[in-house]
N, C-alpha and C. Protein backbone atom coordinates (compact mmCIF):
# COMPACT_ATOMS: atom_id res chain seq x y z
N MET A 1 -9.72 -6.41 4.91
CA MET A 1 -10.13 -8.36 4.40
C MET A 1 -8.44 -9.55 4.79
N LEU A 2 -7.98 -8.29 3.76
CA LEU A 2 -6.59 -9.43 2.78
C LEU A 2 -5.65 -9.51 4.47
N LEU A 3 -5.78 -8.61 5.47
CA LEU A 3 -5.03 -9.35 6.73
C LEU A 3 -6.10 -10.21 8.04
N HIS A 4 -7.25 -9.70 7.74
CA HIS A 4 -7.97 -10.67 7.73
C HIS A 4 -7.86 -12.26 7.73
N MET A 5 -7.55 -12.17 6.08
CA MET A 5 -7.97 -13.84 5.82
C MET A 5 -6.20 -14.08 6.27
N ILE A 6 -5.58 -13.63 6.02
CA ILE A 6 -3.84 -13.82 6.46
C ILE A 6 -4.02 -14.52 8.08
N SER A 7 -4.47 -13.68 9.30
CA SER A 7 -5.47 -14.25 10.45
C SER A 7 -5.34 -15.56 10.53
N GLN A 8 -6.63 -15.57 9.76
CA GLN A 8 -7.39 -17.00 9.96
C GLN A 8 -6.41 -17.98 8.91
N ILE A 9 -5.71 -17.37 8.29
CA ILE A 9 -4.20 -19.06 8.24
C ILE A 9 -3.37 -19.01 8.78
N ASP A 10 -3.06 -17.78 9.17
CA ASP A 10 -1.09 -17.81 9.77
C ASP A 10 -0.97 -16.86 10.29
N ARG A 11 -1.20 -16.41 11.13
CA ARG A 11 -0.71 -14.91 11.95
C ARG A 11 0.13 -15.01 11.97
N ALA A 12 1.43 -16.12 11.76
CA ALA A 12 2.87 -15.52 11.81
C ALA A 12 3.48 -15.41 10.21
N THR A 13 2.65 -15.06 8.94
CA THR A 13 3.04 -14.83 8.59
C THR A 13 3.91 -13.49 7.40
N PRO A 14 4.71 -13.31 7.61
CA PRO A 14 5.13 -11.95 7.56
C PRO A 14 4.30 -10.89 6.95
N VAL A 15 3.92 -10.20 7.68
CA VAL A 15 3.47 -8.99 6.65
C VAL A 15 4.01 -7.72 6.99
N LEU A 16 4.42 -6.62 5.60
CA LEU A 16 4.90 -5.75 5.00
C LEU A 16 4.26 -4.49 5.68
N PHE A 17 5.01 -3.62 6.34
CA PHE A 17 3.61 -2.30 6.40
C PHE A 17 5.06 -1.27 5.99
N LEU A 18 4.78 -0.37 5.03
CA LEU A 18 5.69 0.37 4.54
C LEU A 18 4.78 1.68 5.43
N ASP A 19 6.08 2.09 6.19
CA ASP A 19 6.28 3.55 6.18
C ASP A 19 6.78 4.10 6.54
N THR A 20 6.40 5.17 5.43
CA THR A 20 6.69 6.33 4.74
C THR A 20 7.44 7.60 5.74
N GLY A 21 6.83 7.64 7.15
CA GLY A 21 7.10 8.54 7.86
C GLY A 21 6.18 9.85 7.21
N LYS A 22 5.45 9.95 6.21
CA LYS A 22 4.46 10.93 6.66
C LYS A 22 3.06 10.04 6.81
N HIS A 23 2.51 8.90 7.10
CA HIS A 23 1.34 8.46 7.00
C HIS A 23 0.59 9.68 7.91
N PHE A 24 -1.09 9.77 7.82
CA PHE A 24 -1.82 10.01 8.85
C PHE A 24 -1.75 9.10 10.39
N ARG A 25 -1.79 10.40 11.07
CA ARG A 25 -1.49 9.25 12.72
C ARG A 25 -2.60 9.01 12.95
N ALA A 26 -4.12 8.71 12.13
CA ALA A 26 -5.44 7.47 11.92
C ALA A 26 -4.68 6.15 11.81
N THR A 27 -3.86 6.69 10.36
CA THR A 27 -3.49 5.10 9.95
C THR A 27 -2.36 4.44 10.45
N LEU A 28 -2.12 4.95 11.75
CA LEU A 28 -0.35 4.50 12.38
C LEU A 28 -1.64 3.51 13.38
N ASP A 29 -2.30 4.39 13.68
CA ASP A 29 -3.38 3.75 15.79
C ASP A 29 -4.42 2.76 14.40
N TYR A 30 -4.48 2.87 13.61
CA TYR A 30 -5.36 1.93 12.70
C TYR A 30 -4.77 0.95 12.89
N ARG A 31 -3.36 0.81 11.87
CA ARG A 31 -2.17 -0.24 11.94
C ARG A 31 -2.19 -1.23 13.07
N HIS A 32 -1.71 0.02 14.64
CA HIS A 32 -1.90 -1.29 15.46
C HIS A 32 -3.09 -1.81 16.00
N GLN A 33 -3.88 -0.99 15.65
CA GLN A 33 -4.61 -1.33 16.52
C GLN A 33 -5.36 -3.08 15.71
N LEU A 34 -5.54 -3.25 14.44
CA LEU A 34 -5.46 -3.93 13.40
C LEU A 34 -4.25 -5.42 14.12
N VAL A 35 -3.77 -5.14 14.30
CA VAL A 35 -2.19 -6.39 14.52
C VAL A 35 -2.60 -6.88 15.65
N GLY A 36 -3.21 -6.04 16.55
CA GLY A 36 -3.55 -6.40 17.96
C GLY A 36 -5.06 -7.24 17.88
N ARG A 37 -5.75 -7.05 17.53
CA ARG A 37 -7.08 -7.42 17.45
C ARG A 37 -6.95 -8.97 16.38
N LEU A 38 -6.02 -8.66 15.35
CA LEU A 38 -6.06 -10.15 14.32
C LEU A 38 -5.09 -11.01 15.35
N GLY A 39 -4.03 -10.31 15.72
CA GLY A 39 -3.28 -11.67 16.27
C GLY A 39 -2.20 -11.75 15.32
N LEU A 40 -2.05 -10.53 15.11
CA LEU A 40 -0.66 -11.10 14.09
C LEU A 40 0.32 -10.68 14.59
N ALA A 41 1.17 -12.34 14.55
CA ALA A 41 2.07 -12.13 14.69
C ALA A 41 4.13 -11.60 13.87
N ASP A 42 3.92 -10.84 13.14
CA ASP A 42 4.84 -11.26 12.32
C ASP A 42 4.71 -10.02 12.25
N VAL A 43 4.91 -8.58 11.93
CA VAL A 43 4.46 -7.44 11.08
C VAL A 43 6.16 -6.53 11.09
N ARG A 44 6.18 -6.21 9.20
CA ARG A 44 7.10 -5.53 10.37
C ARG A 44 7.49 -4.07 9.07
N ASP A 45 8.13 -3.30 10.01
CA ASP A 45 7.84 -1.92 9.23
C ASP A 45 9.02 -1.64 8.92
N ILE A 46 8.64 -1.01 7.65
CA ILE A 46 9.46 -1.21 6.45
C ILE A 46 9.74 0.40 6.35
N LEU A 47 11.10 0.85 6.24
CA LEU A 47 11.44 2.35 6.64
C LEU A 47 12.25 3.32 4.97
N PRO A 48 11.94 3.85 5.00
CA PRO A 48 12.86 4.52 3.65
C PRO A 48 14.35 4.38 4.53
N VAL A 49 15.59 4.02 3.49
CA VAL A 49 16.76 4.63 4.04
C VAL A 49 16.90 5.96 4.60
N ALA A 50 17.37 6.38 5.58
CA ALA A 50 18.15 7.64 6.19
C ALA A 50 18.79 8.04 5.74
N ASP A 51 19.72 6.96 5.31
CA ASP A 51 20.96 8.49 4.30
C ASP A 51 20.12 9.33 3.55
N SER A 52 19.28 7.99 2.75
CA SER A 52 18.72 8.89 1.58
C SER A 52 17.67 9.94 1.82
N LEU A 53 17.60 10.02 2.90
CA LEU A 53 15.97 11.14 3.50
C LEU A 53 16.88 12.39 3.37
N ALA A 54 17.72 12.38 4.37
CA ALA A 54 18.66 13.47 4.36
C ALA A 54 19.51 13.47 3.88
N LYS A 55 19.57 13.27 2.28
CA LYS A 55 20.29 13.74 1.22
C LYS A 55 19.15 14.70 0.47
N GLU A 56 17.86 13.58 0.56
CA GLU A 56 17.06 14.28 -0.53
C GLU A 56 16.10 14.67 -0.30
N ASP A 57 15.63 14.85 1.80
CA ASP A 57 14.28 15.46 1.57
C ASP A 57 14.85 15.92 3.14
N PRO A 58 15.75 16.12 3.24
CA PRO A 58 16.26 16.81 5.03
C PRO A 58 15.11 17.99 5.63
N PHE A 59 14.03 18.32 4.63
CA PHE A 59 13.18 18.75 5.29
C PHE A 59 11.90 18.35 5.31
N GLY A 60 11.76 17.57 4.58
CA GLY A 60 10.11 16.51 4.55
C GLY A 60 9.29 17.02 4.22
N ALA A 61 9.99 18.29 2.85
CA ALA A 61 8.82 18.60 1.92
C ALA A 61 9.40 18.01 0.59
N LEU A 62 9.70 17.34 -0.04
CA LEU A 62 9.79 16.73 -1.34
C LEU A 62 8.75 16.22 -2.41
N SER A 63 7.65 15.94 -1.33
CA SER A 63 6.19 15.65 -1.71
C SER A 63 6.14 16.64 -2.29
N MET A 64 6.02 18.14 -1.73
CA MET A 64 6.17 19.73 -3.02
C MET A 64 5.96 19.44 -4.24
N THR A 65 8.02 19.37 -3.95
CA THR A 65 8.97 20.01 -5.54
C THR A 65 8.58 18.26 -6.08
N ASP A 66 8.97 16.84 -5.80
CA ASP A 66 8.60 16.06 -6.80
C ASP A 66 8.12 14.87 -6.29
N LYS A 67 7.29 14.81 -6.23
CA LYS A 67 6.46 13.54 -5.99
C LYS A 67 7.06 12.47 -6.76
N ASP A 68 7.30 12.04 -7.39
CA ASP A 68 8.12 10.80 -7.82
C ASP A 68 8.86 10.56 -7.27
N ARG A 69 9.86 11.66 -7.12
CA ARG A 69 11.23 11.01 -6.06
C ARG A 69 11.20 11.00 -4.82
N CYS A 70 9.90 11.22 -4.24
CA CYS A 70 9.42 11.29 -3.38
C CYS A 70 8.83 9.41 -2.22
N CYS A 71 8.34 9.47 -3.57
CA CYS A 71 7.60 7.90 -3.71
C CYS A 71 8.06 7.17 -4.00
N PHE A 72 9.97 7.57 -5.12
CA PHE A 72 10.60 6.38 -5.08
C PHE A 72 11.90 5.84 -3.21
N ILE A 73 11.72 7.30 -3.04
CA ILE A 73 12.50 6.96 -1.63
C ILE A 73 11.91 6.31 -0.64
N ARG A 74 11.01 6.54 -0.17
CA ARG A 74 9.62 6.53 0.78
C ARG A 74 9.07 5.49 0.34
N LYS A 75 8.80 4.74 -0.66
CA LYS A 75 7.64 3.70 -0.66
C LYS A 75 8.36 2.50 -2.17
N VAL A 76 9.37 3.60 -3.33
CA VAL A 76 9.29 2.66 -3.88
C VAL A 76 10.53 1.01 -3.68
N GLU A 77 12.28 1.97 -3.25
CA GLU A 77 13.10 1.51 -2.92
C GLU A 77 12.61 0.61 -1.50
N PRO A 78 12.58 1.33 -0.42
CA PRO A 78 12.01 0.66 0.49
C PRO A 78 11.19 -0.68 0.76
N MET A 79 10.01 -0.78 -0.02
CA MET A 79 9.53 -1.96 -0.95
C MET A 79 10.37 -2.82 -1.70
N ALA A 80 10.79 -2.87 -2.75
CA ALA A 80 11.60 -3.79 -3.10
C ALA A 80 13.07 -4.30 -2.10
N ARG A 81 13.55 -3.62 -1.70
CA ARG A 81 14.23 -4.36 -0.32
C ARG A 81 13.13 -4.84 0.37
N ALA A 82 12.17 -4.77 0.63
CA ALA A 82 11.54 -5.25 1.43
C ALA A 82 10.88 -7.10 1.30
N VAL A 83 10.86 -6.68 -0.09
CA VAL A 83 10.36 -8.16 -0.96
C VAL A 83 11.09 -9.07 -1.74
N ALA A 84 12.44 -8.24 -1.43
CA ALA A 84 13.79 -8.78 -2.17
C ALA A 84 14.01 -10.44 -1.92
N PRO A 85 13.68 -10.94 -0.48
CA PRO A 85 13.77 -12.21 0.15
C PRO A 85 13.09 -12.87 -0.41
N TYR A 86 11.38 -12.56 -0.88
CA TYR A 86 10.33 -13.40 -1.62
C TYR A 86 10.20 -13.99 -2.57
N ARG A 87 9.91 -15.21 -3.12
CA ARG A 87 9.87 -15.55 -4.95
C ARG A 87 8.30 -14.47 -4.71
N ALA A 88 7.12 -14.36 -3.90
CA ALA A 88 5.83 -13.88 -4.25
C ALA A 88 5.71 -12.50 -2.64
N TRP A 89 4.02 -11.97 -3.02
CA TRP A 89 4.37 -11.57 -2.26
C TRP A 89 2.61 -11.22 -2.63
N MET A 90 1.44 -10.42 -1.78
CA MET A 90 0.04 -10.61 -1.75
C MET A 90 -0.30 -8.83 -1.76
N THR A 91 -0.86 -8.66 -2.45
CA THR A 91 -0.93 -7.10 -2.35
C THR A 91 -3.06 -6.53 -2.01
N GLY A 92 -3.86 -6.02 -1.97
CA GLY A 92 -4.94 -5.32 -1.71
C GLY A 92 -5.48 -5.03 -2.61
N ARG A 93 -5.46 -4.72 -3.69
CA ARG A 93 -5.77 -3.47 -4.58
C ARG A 93 -6.87 -4.33 -5.33
N LYS A 94 -7.92 -4.06 -6.58
CA LYS A 94 -8.71 -3.84 -6.40
C LYS A 94 -9.46 -3.91 -7.66
N GLN A 95 -9.85 -4.00 -8.80
CA GLN A 95 -10.22 -3.21 -9.51
C GLN A 95 -10.52 -2.06 -9.69
N PHE A 96 -12.03 -1.77 -9.17
CA PHE A 96 -12.95 -0.92 -9.12
C PHE A 96 -12.27 0.19 -8.51
N GLN A 97 -10.89 0.14 -8.24
CA GLN A 97 -10.25 1.04 -7.11
C GLN A 97 -10.43 2.50 -8.19
N ALA A 98 -9.90 2.11 -9.03
CA ALA A 98 -9.67 3.47 -10.01
C ALA A 98 -9.94 2.65 -11.47
N SER A 99 -9.73 3.29 -12.67
CA SER A 99 -9.48 3.22 -14.15
C SER A 99 -8.61 2.90 -14.04
N THR A 100 -6.95 3.12 -13.66
CA THR A 100 -5.79 2.25 -13.75
C THR A 100 -6.40 0.74 -13.19
N ARG A 101 -6.74 0.21 -13.25
CA ARG A 101 -6.65 -1.03 -11.74
C ARG A 101 -7.87 -1.89 -12.91
N ASN A 102 -8.28 -1.29 -13.74
CA ASN A 102 -9.96 -2.19 -14.37
C ASN A 102 -9.24 -3.70 -14.61
N GLY A 103 -8.42 -3.72 -15.60
CA GLY A 103 -7.55 -5.06 -15.58
C GLY A 103 -6.34 -5.55 -14.87
N LEU A 104 -6.70 -5.50 -13.51
CA LEU A 104 -5.87 -6.19 -12.74
C LEU A 104 -6.47 -6.96 -12.52
N PRO A 105 -4.89 -8.24 -12.82
CA PRO A 105 -5.28 -9.57 -12.80
C PRO A 105 -4.65 -9.82 -11.27
N VAL A 106 -5.42 -11.17 -10.99
CA VAL A 106 -4.72 -11.66 -9.66
C VAL A 106 -3.60 -12.54 -10.22
N PHE A 107 -2.89 -12.83 -10.65
CA PHE A 107 -1.14 -12.95 -10.75
C PHE A 107 -0.61 -11.72 -11.67
N GLU A 108 0.45 -11.78 -10.94
CA GLU A 108 1.44 -11.26 -11.81
C GLU A 108 2.45 -11.12 -11.90
N SER A 109 3.58 -11.40 -13.17
CA SER A 109 5.05 -11.44 -12.88
C SER A 109 5.79 -9.37 -12.61
N VAL A 110 6.53 -9.69 -11.66
CA VAL A 110 7.43 -8.48 -11.07
C VAL A 110 8.15 -8.71 -11.31
N GLY A 111 9.23 -8.63 -12.45
CA GLY A 111 10.79 -9.31 -12.48
C GLY A 111 10.74 -10.20 -12.61
N PRO A 112 11.09 -11.21 -11.85
CA PRO A 112 11.69 -12.81 -11.16
C PRO A 112 10.90 -13.01 -10.98
N ARG A 113 9.83 -11.90 -10.18
CA ARG A 113 8.65 -12.64 -8.61
C ARG A 113 6.96 -12.58 -9.25
N ILE A 114 5.90 -13.15 -8.32
CA ILE A 114 4.83 -12.78 -8.99
C ILE A 114 4.51 -12.23 -7.57
N ARG A 115 3.29 -10.99 -7.95
CA ARG A 115 3.09 -10.58 -7.02
C ARG A 115 1.23 -11.17 -7.30
N ILE A 116 0.54 -10.93 -5.75
CA ILE A 116 -0.78 -11.76 -5.96
C ILE A 116 -1.68 -10.17 -5.55
N ASN A 117 -2.78 -10.92 -6.47
CA ASN A 117 -3.57 -9.52 -5.88
C ASN A 117 -4.86 -10.06 -5.77
N PRO A 118 -4.91 -10.90 -4.06
CA PRO A 118 -6.09 -12.16 -4.43
C PRO A 118 -7.43 -11.33 -4.55
N LEU A 119 -8.03 -10.45 -4.26
CA LEU A 119 -8.53 -9.47 -3.98
C LEU A 119 -9.20 -8.40 -4.87
N ALA A 120 -8.64 -8.44 -6.14
CA ALA A 120 -8.52 -7.90 -7.04
C ALA A 120 -9.74 -7.57 -7.93
N ARG A 121 -10.67 -8.68 -7.74
CA ARG A 121 -11.95 -8.58 -8.47
C ARG A 121 -13.25 -9.07 -7.78
N TRP A 122 -12.55 -8.21 -6.70
CA TRP A 122 -13.38 -7.91 -5.86
C TRP A 122 -15.00 -6.89 -6.00
N ARG A 123 -15.86 -6.67 -5.17
CA ARG A 123 -16.78 -5.10 -5.43
C ARG A 123 -16.42 -4.76 -4.22
N ALA A 124 -16.92 -3.45 -4.50
CA ALA A 124 -17.58 -2.58 -2.65
C ALA A 124 -18.22 -3.63 -2.47
N GLU A 125 -19.53 -4.11 -2.69
CA GLU A 125 -20.29 -4.74 -2.00
C GLU A 125 -19.65 -5.55 -1.38
N ASP A 126 -18.72 -6.97 -1.92
CA ASP A 126 -17.60 -7.49 -1.23
C ASP A 126 -17.40 -7.24 -0.39
N LEU A 127 -16.74 -5.81 0.09
CA LEU A 127 -15.74 -6.20 1.47
C LEU A 127 -16.78 -5.21 2.18
N ARG A 128 -17.76 -4.51 2.08
CA ARG A 128 -18.73 -3.86 2.75
C ARG A 128 -19.14 -5.46 3.37
N ALA A 129 -19.76 -6.19 2.32
CA ALA A 129 -19.88 -7.79 3.20
C ALA A 129 -19.33 -8.29 3.91
N TYR A 130 -17.93 -8.52 3.75
CA TYR A 130 -17.25 -9.10 4.68
C TYR A 130 -16.82 -8.72 5.83
N ALA A 131 -15.84 -7.23 5.50
CA ALA A 131 -16.39 -6.43 7.29
C ALA A 131 -17.13 -6.12 8.14
N GLU A 132 -19.08 -6.53 7.74
CA GLU A 132 -19.63 -7.20 8.50
C GLU A 132 -20.22 -7.97 9.17
N LYS A 133 -20.25 -9.22 8.11
CA LYS A 133 -19.71 -10.43 8.59
C LYS A 133 -18.83 -11.01 9.70
N TYR A 134 -17.50 -10.21 9.32
CA TYR A 134 -16.85 -10.29 10.36
C TYR A 134 -16.21 -9.26 11.27
N SER A 135 -17.23 -8.28 11.96
CA SER A 135 -17.16 -6.95 12.88
C SER A 135 -15.80 -6.75 12.03
N LEU A 136 -15.36 -6.23 10.91
CA LEU A 136 -14.18 -5.41 11.19
C LEU A 136 -14.33 -4.12 11.18
N PRO A 137 -13.02 -2.87 11.73
CA PRO A 137 -13.34 -2.07 11.59
C PRO A 137 -12.43 -1.58 10.06
N PRO A 138 -13.83 -0.19 10.35
CA PRO A 138 -12.97 0.86 9.51
C PRO A 138 -12.14 1.17 9.46
N HIS A 139 -11.04 1.63 8.36
CA HIS A 139 -9.69 2.78 8.49
C HIS A 139 -11.28 4.14 8.51
N PRO A 140 -10.34 5.22 10.05
CA PRO A 140 -10.98 6.17 10.68
C PRO A 140 -10.88 7.55 9.82
N LEU A 141 -10.04 7.42 8.52
CA LEU A 141 -10.44 9.15 7.90
C LEU A 141 -11.40 8.50 7.09
N THR A 142 -12.01 7.28 6.77
CA THR A 142 -13.26 6.78 5.71
C THR A 142 -14.72 7.27 6.18
N ALA A 143 -14.72 7.47 7.05
CA ALA A 143 -16.07 8.34 7.58
C ALA A 143 -15.90 9.91 7.26
N GLN A 144 -14.35 10.50 7.16
CA GLN A 144 -13.87 11.49 6.39
C GLN A 144 -14.41 11.85 5.59
N GLY A 145 -14.50 11.04 4.00
CA GLY A 145 -14.87 10.87 2.72
C GLY A 145 -13.49 10.20 2.36
N TYR A 146 -12.22 9.84 2.90
CA TYR A 146 -11.49 9.06 2.44
C TYR A 146 -11.75 8.09 1.74
N ARG A 147 -11.07 7.60 0.53
CA ARG A 147 -11.47 5.75 -0.10
C ARG A 147 -10.31 6.18 -0.37
N SER A 148 -9.04 5.98 -0.73
CA SER A 148 -7.42 5.50 -1.16
C SER A 148 -7.18 6.15 -0.25
N ILE A 149 -6.20 5.81 1.49
CA ILE A 149 -5.26 6.47 2.02
C ILE A 149 -4.46 6.21 1.91
N GLY A 150 -2.64 7.08 1.43
CA GLY A 150 -1.82 7.19 1.26
C GLY A 150 -1.52 7.64 2.72
N CYS A 151 -0.10 8.84 1.77
CA CYS A 151 0.27 9.36 3.26
C CYS A 151 -0.25 10.88 3.41
N MET A 152 0.08 11.70 4.53
CA MET A 152 -1.08 12.83 4.17
C MET A 152 -0.31 14.06 4.02
N PRO A 153 0.65 14.34 3.08
CA PRO A 153 0.20 15.11 2.31
C PRO A 153 0.21 15.22 1.20
N CYS A 154 -0.56 14.38 0.45
CA CYS A 154 -0.57 13.73 -0.55
C CYS A 154 -1.83 12.95 -0.53
N THR A 155 -2.71 13.25 -0.26
CA THR A 155 -4.22 11.80 0.03
C THR A 155 -5.21 13.40 0.38
N ARG A 156 -6.23 13.78 0.45
CA ARG A 156 -7.63 14.53 0.31
C ARG A 156 -9.27 13.43 0.70
N PRO A 157 -9.43 13.92 0.58
CA PRO A 157 -11.18 12.78 0.70
C PRO A 157 -11.24 13.60 -1.13
N VAL A 158 -12.33 12.10 -1.61
CA VAL A 158 -13.56 12.10 -2.73
C VAL A 158 -14.11 12.57 -2.77
N SER A 159 -14.34 13.37 -3.61
CA SER A 159 -16.31 13.62 -3.56
C SER A 159 -16.76 12.75 -4.80
N GLU A 160 -18.17 12.61 -3.91
CA GLU A 160 -19.57 11.65 -4.76
C GLU A 160 -19.02 11.53 -6.56
N GLY A 161 -19.13 11.22 -6.92
CA GLY A 161 -18.56 9.98 -7.91
C GLY A 161 -17.03 9.84 -9.64
N GLU A 162 -16.28 9.83 -7.51
CA GLU A 162 -15.08 10.54 -7.99
C GLU A 162 -14.90 8.71 -8.37
N ASP A 163 -13.54 8.78 -8.66
CA ASP A 163 -13.10 7.80 -8.35
C ASP A 163 -12.15 7.24 -7.11
N GLN A 164 -12.27 6.16 -6.58
CA GLN A 164 -11.84 5.68 -5.07
C GLN A 164 -10.47 6.31 -5.36
N ARG A 165 -9.29 6.80 -6.05
CA ARG A 165 -8.08 6.59 -5.83
C ARG A 165 -8.32 8.50 -6.50
N ALA A 166 -9.19 9.56 -6.37
CA ALA A 166 -9.42 10.50 -6.62
C ALA A 166 -8.11 11.48 -5.89
N GLY A 167 -8.59 10.89 -5.33
CA GLY A 167 -8.45 11.61 -3.30
C GLY A 167 -6.40 11.98 -3.38
N ARG A 168 -5.56 11.37 -3.99
CA ARG A 168 -4.29 10.60 -3.69
C ARG A 168 -3.33 11.68 -4.86
N TRP A 169 -2.61 12.27 -4.53
CA TRP A 169 -1.86 13.09 -5.71
C TRP A 169 -2.99 14.37 -6.36
N ALA A 170 -4.00 14.50 -6.01
CA ALA A 170 -4.60 15.16 -6.07
C ALA A 170 -4.14 16.85 -6.72
N GLY A 171 -4.40 17.23 -8.07
CA GLY A 171 -3.42 18.64 -8.99
C GLY A 171 -2.63 17.97 -9.62
N SER A 172 -1.98 16.78 -9.46
CA SER A 172 -1.43 16.38 -10.47
C SER A 172 -1.44 15.27 -11.24
N GLU A 173 -0.97 14.99 -12.27
CA GLU A 173 -1.18 13.29 -13.36
C GLU A 173 -1.14 12.68 -13.41
N LYS A 174 -0.07 12.36 -12.13
CA LYS A 174 0.08 11.51 -10.92
C LYS A 174 -0.75 10.20 -10.57
N THR A 175 -0.88 9.13 -10.81
CA THR A 175 -2.03 8.07 -9.99
C THR A 175 -1.30 7.17 -9.28
N GLU A 176 -0.35 6.96 -9.40
CA GLU A 176 0.24 5.89 -8.47
C GLU A 176 1.77 5.51 -7.71
N CYS A 177 1.63 5.40 -7.01
CA CYS A 177 3.56 5.35 -6.17
C CYS A 177 4.38 4.64 -6.87
N GLY A 178 3.74 4.14 -7.17
CA GLY A 178 5.38 3.52 -8.02
C GLY A 178 5.33 1.77 -8.03
N ILE A 179 5.47 1.24 -6.47
CA ILE A 179 4.74 0.44 -6.28
C ILE A 179 4.94 -0.78 -7.17
N HIS A 180 3.47 -0.49 -8.27
CA HIS A 180 2.79 -1.43 -8.76
C HIS A 180 2.94 -0.72 -9.88
N LEU A 181 4.09 -0.75 -10.68
CA LEU A 181 4.35 0.34 -11.78
C LEU A 181 5.85 -0.54 -12.21
N SER A 182 6.09 0.00 -13.07
CA SER A 182 7.72 -0.69 -13.62
C SER A 182 9.01 -0.23 -12.63
N GLY A 183 8.69 0.83 -11.21
CA GLY A 183 9.33 1.49 -10.73
C GLY A 183 9.61 -0.08 -9.63
N LEU A 184 9.33 -0.82 -9.30
CA LEU A 184 9.41 -1.31 -8.26
C LEU A 184 9.92 -2.46 -9.18
N ALA A 185 9.86 -3.15 -10.21
CA ALA A 185 11.02 -4.04 -10.93
C ALA A 185 12.45 -3.55 -11.03
N ASP A 186 12.28 -2.78 -11.92
CA ASP A 186 13.31 -1.98 -12.05
C ASP A 186 14.13 -1.72 -10.51
N SER A 187 13.59 -1.53 -9.80
CA SER A 187 14.23 -1.58 -8.25
C SER A 187 15.27 -2.83 -8.41
N LEU A 188 14.21 -4.32 -7.95
CA LEU A 188 14.34 -4.87 -8.46
C LEU A 188 15.32 -5.93 -8.83
N LYS A 189 15.76 -5.25 -9.97
CA LYS A 189 16.61 -6.17 -10.99
C LYS A 189 18.62 -6.18 -10.50
N GLY A 190 18.70 -6.70 -10.70
CA GLY A 190 19.76 -7.18 -9.29
C GLY A 190 20.50 -7.37 -8.19
N ILE A 191 19.18 -7.85 -8.29
CA ILE A 191 18.71 -8.67 -6.97
C ILE A 191 18.53 -9.89 -6.56
N PRO A 192 19.18 -10.37 -6.31
CA PRO A 192 19.31 -11.48 -6.69
C PRO A 192 17.80 -12.47 -5.90
N LYS A 193 16.87 -13.71 -6.54
CA LYS A 193 15.98 -14.31 -7.02
C LYS A 193 15.67 -14.78 -5.69
N ALA A 194 14.71 -15.15 -5.11
CA ALA A 194 14.39 -15.75 -3.76
C ALA A 194 14.35 -17.37 -3.63
N VAL A 195 15.20 -17.87 -3.00
CA VAL A 195 14.40 -19.96 -3.08
C VAL A 195 13.28 -19.97 -2.78
């Protein structure tokens, strides 16, 4: 929804795509499909630091032993670098996605920057209606029961009645990768505020 809205306002708006190196192939294909369909002109692939991966996750299996560290080097640190030049950025997070997001505000302070969650108060019905109105394709994995789609090793389909995000880091206490928690704010410390 958010990418479609951006495309209707200014297709040259920078869009940050966090490429963790662990996405489902379907996610990468969907990303390319949407970029082409919406005519987005400035999509930036944000990658983990190669030296960090070589040092801390040389075999690509860190998610099995230290999910927090894996998320930090593949998501939190790269996102902190990516948003550093900006005074504000937008996310597609919504309150209904999980009990941990019930009180999600539209505007948040993250260190010296503002994070905007324009869809925070949207309901699942609102999303369906918007997608139908504009003939937007769903992520292909939603047909297989995935409701929140992240990295392949840490994502599973959800069962009826579970939170949208119950399939993320299943079997652990982890509920967020860290880019929407204090990890990003901490990573932004010492990075000058954009003008």
